[in-house]
C-alpha cells in the first residue's frame, strides 16, 4: 500500500513559509543537501535536475500533490509543469488553466484516499499548510527538514487546522553541521 508522505522544510517554530509564502530563509547549501539531492531527489523539480545534469531516480515518489499557491512560484517563473517525472495533482477550489500534465482536484482527501489504493511508489505532499491540514487523516509519514531559523509568523505546517490530536512516532533524526535536522515520523496506530 502506498503512503502519503509530508516531506517539507520547516522553521524551528513550525512554519513552512513566511507570511508572503516565501521560503528564502531556508538554507539551500550545506551538508544537509545530501538528503535533498540524494534520499529525496524525486522531489526536485525538473529544472533543478536539468541544471545538475541528473535524472530523477523515480524510487521514492511517483505522485505529488500540492496546493495552488505551492504551484505559484513555478508558474511565476514560467514553469508550467515543475515535476513532469511525477503524476502532478493540484488542489484548487476553483477551475484553473494548467498544463495538461497536471490534474486538478477540488476534493484532495478523496483523491489521496483513491491514490493510496493504487499500486506504486509513495505520494509526496508538497504543500501548503491548509492542504496538509485537510490531508492530515491520510498522512502516513512526516519528513521534516527543520531549519535553524525562527519566522514568528507565516504559513504554519498544518495551516489553520482546528485542534485534533493525532500521534506520530519518531523513527529517525539526522543532525547536520548546517544546523538542519531531518526528522522522520510515522503515524501512530489508531
Protein backbone atom coordinates (compact mmCIF):
# COMPACT_ATOMS: atom_id res chain seq x y z
CA UNK A 1 0.00 0.00 0.00
CA UNK A 2 1.22 3.48 -0.87
CA UNK A 3 1.96 6.08 1.80
CA UNK A 4 1.24 9.79 1.85
CA UNK A 5 4.50 11.47 2.92
CA UNK A 6 4.57 15.10 4.02
CA UNK A 7 8.18 15.97 3.12
CA UNK A 8 8.72 19.65 3.85
CA UNK A 9 11.14 22.31 5.10
CA UNK A 10 10.05 23.90 8.35
CA UNK A 11 11.32 26.61 10.68
CA UNK A 12 12.06 25.86 14.34
CA UNK A 13 8.71 27.44 15.23
CA UNK A 14 6.70 25.34 12.78
CA UNK A 15 6.31 27.48 9.66
CA UNK A 16 6.80 26.22 6.09
CA UNK A 17 6.85 29.71 4.57
CA UNK A 18 7.00 33.35 5.61
CA UNK A 19 3.80 35.46 5.70
CA UNK A 20 4.03 36.15 1.94
CA UNK A 21 4.55 32.46 1.12
CA UNK A 22 8.30 32.84 0.62
CA UNK A 23 10.87 30.33 1.78
CA UNK A 24 14.13 32.18 1.04
CA UNK A 25 15.20 31.98 4.72
CA UNK A 26 15.67 28.22 4.48
CA UNK A 27 19.22 27.03 3.90
CA UNK A 28 19.93 25.79 0.39
CA UNK A 29 23.60 24.89 0.78
CA UNK A 30 25.09 22.73 3.47
CA UNK A 31 25.77 19.15 4.34
CA UNK A 32 22.02 18.51 4.71
CA UNK A 33 21.74 18.81 0.93
CA UNK A 34 22.76 15.14 0.75
CA UNK A 35 19.21 14.36 1.89
CA UNK A 36 17.63 16.72 -0.64
CA UNK A 37 19.76 15.67 -3.62
CA UNK A 38 20.14 12.04 -2.58
CA UNK A 39 17.39 10.49 -0.48
CA UNK A 40 14.61 12.72 -1.81
CA UNK A 41 15.80 13.51 -5.34
CA UNK A 42 12.36 12.58 -6.71
CA UNK A 43 11.10 15.74 -5.00
CA UNK A 44 13.39 18.01 -7.02
CA UNK A 45 11.76 19.91 -9.87
CA UNK A 46 12.80 19.09 -13.42
CA UNK A 47 14.69 22.36 -13.94
CA UNK A 48 16.92 21.53 -10.93
CA UNK A 49 17.67 18.08 -12.33
CA UNK A 50 18.45 19.67 -15.71
CA UNK A 51 20.82 22.21 -14.14
CA UNK A 52 22.60 19.46 -12.20
CA UNK A 53 22.72 17.07 -15.16
CA UNK A 54 20.84 14.42 -13.17
CA UNK A 55 17.73 12.33 -13.71
CA UNK A 56 15.04 11.72 -11.10
CA UNK A 57 15.63 8.26 -9.63
CA UNK A 58 11.88 7.50 -9.55
CA UNK A 59 12.36 5.33 -6.48
CA UNK A 60 10.68 7.22 -3.64
CA UNK A 61 7.69 9.08 -5.13
CA UNK A 62 5.63 8.71 -8.30
CA UNK A 63 2.96 11.30 -7.42
CA UNK A 64 2.99 14.82 -5.97
CA UNK A 65 0.01 16.67 -4.54
CA UNK A 66 0.25 20.37 -3.82
CA UNK A 67 -1.96 23.38 -3.28
CA UNK A 68 -2.49 26.07 -5.88
CA UNK A 69 -0.26 28.53 -4.00
CA UNK A 70 2.55 25.96 -3.91
CA UNK A 71 2.42 25.71 -7.70
CA UNK A 72 2.53 29.53 -7.93
CA UNK A 73 6.31 30.12 -7.78
CA UNK A 74 6.92 27.68 -10.65
CA UNK A 75 4.17 29.26 -12.74
CA UNK A 76 5.55 32.74 -11.96
CA UNK A 77 8.94 31.56 -13.26
CA UNK A 78 7.34 30.29 -16.47
CA UNK A 79 7.46 26.62 -15.44
CA UNK A 80 4.03 25.17 -16.20
CA UNK A 81 4.90 21.60 -15.15
CA UNK A 82 7.56 21.55 -12.41
CA UNK A 83 7.52 17.79 -11.79
CA UNK A 84 6.92 16.08 -15.14
CA UNK A 85 8.58 12.92 -13.80
CA UNK A 86 5.73 12.59 -11.26
CA UNK A 87 1.96 12.45 -11.55
CA UNK A 88 1.14 16.04 -10.60
CA UNK A 89 -2.09 16.85 -8.73
CA UNK A 90 -3.01 20.35 -7.66
CA UNK A 91 -5.76 21.02 -5.14
CA UNK A 92 -7.88 24.03 -6.03
CA UNK A 93 -11.37 25.14 -5.07
CA UNK A 94 -11.67 26.88 -8.45
CA UNK A 95 -11.32 25.84 -12.08
CA UNK A 96 -7.87 26.84 -13.34
CA UNK A 97 -5.90 26.76 -16.55
CA UNK A 98 -2.99 24.36 -16.02
CA UNK A 99 -0.57 22.34 -18.07
CA UNK A 100 -2.19 19.17 -19.47
CA UNK A 101 0.18 17.07 -17.34
CA UNK A 102 -1.40 18.45 -14.15
CA UNK A 103 -4.64 17.13 -12.71
CA UNK A 104 -6.79 19.47 -10.65
CA UNK A 105 -8.84 18.21 -7.72
CA UNK A 106 -11.43 20.03 -5.63
CA UNK A 107 -11.54 17.08 -3.20
CA UNK A 108 -7.94 16.30 -2.26
CA UNK A 109 -8.91 13.98 0.59
CA UNK A 110 -10.96 11.75 -1.69
CA UNK A 111 -8.23 11.92 -4.35
CA UNK A 112 -5.49 10.83 -1.93
CA UNK A 113 -7.63 8.04 -0.49
CA UNK A 114 -8.15 6.75 -4.02
CA UNK A 115 -4.46 7.08 -4.94
CA UNK A 116 -3.42 5.15 -1.85
CA UNK A 117 -5.39 2.15 -3.12
CA UNK A 118 -3.35 2.03 -6.35
CA UNK A 119 -0.03 0.28 -6.73
CA UNK A 120 3.03 2.44 -6.99
CA UNK A 121 5.58 4.45 -5.07
CA UNK A 122 4.67 6.85 -2.29
CA UNK A 123 2.74 10.09 -2.72
CA UNK A 124 4.56 13.31 -1.83
CA UNK A 125 2.54 16.00 -0.09
CA UNK A 126 4.46 19.06 -1.24
CA UNK A 127 2.36 21.76 0.46
CA UNK A 128 0.84 24.04 1.63
CA UNK A 129 -0.26 24.17 5.21
CA UNK A 130 -4.01 24.25 4.65
CA UNK A 131 -3.77 21.31 2.25
CA UNK A 132 -1.71 19.43 4.84
CA UNK A 133 -4.43 20.13 7.42
CA UNK A 134 -7.05 18.72 5.05
CA UNK A 135 -4.96 15.63 4.37
CA UNK A 136 -3.79 15.08 7.96
CA UNK A 137 -6.02 12.00 8.44
CA UNK A 138 -4.22 10.33 5.50
CA UNK A 139 -0.62 11.33 6.27
CA UNK A 140 1.40 8.18 6.95
CA UNK A 141 4.84 9.74 7.35
CA UNK A 142 6.24 13.16 8.20
CA UNK A 143 9.72 14.10 6.99
CA UNK A 144 10.56 17.50 8.42
CA UNK A 145 13.69 19.33 7.33
CA UNK A 146 13.84 21.60 10.40
CA UNK A 147 15.95 24.68 9.65
CA UNK A 148 17.70 26.77 12.33
CA UNK A 149 15.53 29.83 11.79
CA UNK A 150 12.52 31.33 13.56
CA UNK A 151 9.84 33.03 11.45
CA UNK A 152 7.48 34.23 14.18
CA UNK A 153 4.58 34.09 11.73
CA UNK A 154 3.83 32.75 8.30
CA UNK A 155 2.32 29.62 6.78
CA UNK A 156 2.08 27.06 9.57
CA UNK A 157 2.98 23.42 8.98
CA UNK A 158 -0.71 22.49 9.20
CA UNK A 159 -2.23 25.82 8.19
CA UNK A 160 -5.19 26.84 10.29
CA UNK A 161 -6.23 23.32 11.24
CA UNK A 162 -8.56 23.08 14.22
CA UNK A 163 -7.36 21.19 17.27
CA UNK A 164 -7.38 17.44 16.72
CA UNK A 165 -4.65 15.40 18.40
CA UNK A 166 -3.01 12.80 16.15
CA UNK A 167 0.00 10.84 17.26
CA UNK A 168 3.18 10.20 15.30
CA UNK A 169 6.11 8.03 16.36
CA UNK A 170 9.66 9.27 15.75
CA UNK A 171 11.68 6.81 13.66
CA UNK A 172 14.79 8.80 12.68
CA UNK A 173 16.58 12.08 13.24
CA UNK A 174 19.72 13.24 11.47
CA UNK A 175 21.57 16.39 12.52
CA UNK A 176 23.85 18.24 10.15
CA UNK A 177 26.58 20.81 10.77
CA UNK A 178 24.49 23.26 8.72
CA UNK A 179 22.08 23.26 11.68
CA UNK A 180 19.36 21.47 9.74
CA UNK A 181 17.81 18.45 11.44
CA UNK A 182 15.86 15.94 9.33
CA UNK A 183 13.21 14.31 11.49
CA UNK A 184 11.09 11.38 10.37
CA UNK A 185 7.85 10.22 11.99
CA UNK A 186 5.27 7.56 11.17
CA UNK A 187 1.61 7.83 12.03
CA UNK A 188 0.84 6.06 15.29
CA UNK A 189 -1.63 3.21 15.12
CA UNK A 190 -5.15 4.41 15.82
